[in-house]
Amino acid sequence: MDLKRRNGLAAVLIIIGALMLLGVFGPLLGRLLGLVFPIILIALGYYGVRSGKVLIGWIILAIGILSLIAKLSWLIGPILGIVVLVFGISLLRNKRRTY
């Protein structure tokens, strides 16, 4: 059973390597690793806090969160704009109901 799992992993790695050599997968892999690395930092920081290494855990956790926010800033800005817009519309609707 372990042999089947290794064969599957080997096939996936061969496909990824071939796509990288063709130049198709390189930019996508860079973007993916750019998001995965901060998530790994967040997980390691959380593990550090849970295992008793509180100071280093919080430092790594904060670095991971800030890095992830920086990577997702293209998404956070428009979402924040939509939230502010909806909140403003709801305030206008509530004001009209009071009259």
Protein backbone atom coordinates (compact mmCIF):
# COMPACT_ATOMS: atom_id res chain seq x y z
CA MET A 1 0.00 0.00 0.00
CA ASP A 2 2.90 2.32 0.74
CA LEU A 3 4.33 1.52 -2.69
CA LYS A 4 1.15 2.75 -4.40
CA ARG A 5 1.28 6.00 -2.48
CA ARG A 6 4.92 6.55 -3.47
CA ASN A 7 4.11 5.83 -7.11
CA GLY A 8 1.31 8.40 -7.02
CA LEU A 9 3.56 11.00 -5.43
CA ALA A 10 6.28 10.25 -7.99
CA ALA A 11 3.82 10.72 -10.85
CA VAL A 12 2.62 14.04 -9.45
CA LEU A 13 6.19 15.28 -9.03
CA ILE A 14 7.09 14.23 -12.58
CA ILE A 15 4.08 16.10 -13.98
CA ILE A 16 4.87 19.22 -11.93
CA GLY A 17 8.51 19.11 -13.04
CA ALA A 18 7.57 18.72 -16.70
CA LEU A 19 5.13 21.63 -16.51
CA MET A 20 7.77 23.78 -14.82
CA LEU A 21 10.26 22.97 -17.57
CA LEU A 22 7.71 23.95 -20.17
CA GLY A 23 7.23 27.29 -18.41
CA VAL A 24 3.53 26.74 -17.87
CA PHE A 25 3.52 26.03 -14.18
CA GLY A 26 6.31 28.36 -13.01
CA PRO A 27 4.32 31.56 -12.46
CA LEU A 28 1.43 29.65 -10.90
CA LEU A 29 3.78 27.78 -8.57
CA GLY A 30 5.38 31.05 -7.49
CA ARG A 31 2.03 32.57 -6.61
CA LEU A 32 0.93 29.42 -4.83
CA LEU A 33 4.12 29.23 -2.74
CA GLY A 34 3.73 32.92 -2.00
CA LEU A 35 0.44 32.11 -0.29
CA VAL A 36 1.43 28.77 1.22
CA PHE A 37 4.51 30.10 3.01
CA PRO A 38 2.59 32.62 5.20
CA ILE A 39 0.02 29.92 6.00
CA ILE A 40 2.85 27.62 7.10
CA LEU A 41 4.22 30.43 9.29
CA ILE A 42 0.79 30.90 10.86
CA ALA A 43 0.51 27.17 11.56
CA LEU A 44 4.03 27.05 13.06
CA GLY A 45 3.30 30.10 15.21
CA TYR A 46 0.07 28.57 16.47
CA TYR A 47 1.90 25.33 17.24
CA GLY A 48 4.57 27.30 19.10
CA VAL A 49 1.97 29.09 21.22
CA ARG A 50 0.16 25.83 21.98
CA SER A 51 3.37 23.98 22.90
CA GLY A 52 4.52 26.58 25.43
CA LYS A 53 6.96 28.68 23.40
CA VAL A 54 4.68 31.67 23.62
CA LEU A 55 6.98 34.54 22.64
CA ILE A 56 8.51 32.99 19.54
CA GLY A 57 5.12 31.52 18.62
CA TRP A 58 3.43 34.92 18.68
CA ILE A 59 6.28 36.49 16.71
CA ILE A 60 6.09 33.84 13.98
CA LEU A 61 2.28 34.00 14.00
CA ALA A 62 2.32 37.79 13.60
CA ILE A 63 4.84 37.62 10.75
CA GLY A 64 2.69 35.01 9.00
CA ILE A 65 -0.52 37.01 9.42
CA LEU A 66 1.05 40.25 8.22
CA SER A 67 2.62 38.50 5.25
CA LEU A 68 -0.68 36.86 4.32
CA ILE A 69 -2.51 40.18 4.58
CA ALA A 70 0.11 41.75 2.30
CA LYS A 71 -0.27 38.92 -0.23
CA LEU A 72 -4.07 39.19 -0.18
CA SER A 73 -4.27 43.00 -0.22
CA TRP A 74 -5.61 42.91 -3.78
CA LEU A 75 -8.61 41.03 -2.41
CA ILE A 76 -9.02 42.71 0.98
CA GLY A 77 -9.38 46.25 -0.47
CA PRO A 78 -12.40 45.54 -2.71
CA ILE A 79 -14.06 43.40 -0.01
CA LEU A 80 -13.63 46.22 2.51
CA GLY A 81 -15.12 48.67 -0.03
CA ILE A 82 -18.15 46.42 -0.50
CA VAL A 83 -18.63 46.11 3.26
CA VAL A 84 -18.47 49.89 3.73
CA LEU A 85 -20.92 50.40 0.85
CA VAL A 86 -23.43 47.90 2.23
CA PHE A 87 -23.10 49.35 5.74
CA GLY A 88 -23.73 52.88 4.40
CA ILE A 89 -26.81 51.71 2.48
CA SER A 90 -28.13 49.95 5.59
CA LEU A 91 -27.67 53.14 7.61
CA LEU A 92 -29.68 55.09 5.03
CA ARG A 93 -32.47 52.51 5.08
CA ASN A 94 -32.65 52.50 8.88
CA LYS A 95 -32.80 56.31 8.95
CA ARG A 96 -35.77 56.36 6.57
CA ARG A 97 -37.68 53.89 8.74
CA THR A 98 -37.51 56.13 11.80
CA TYR A 99 -39.54 58.93 10.19
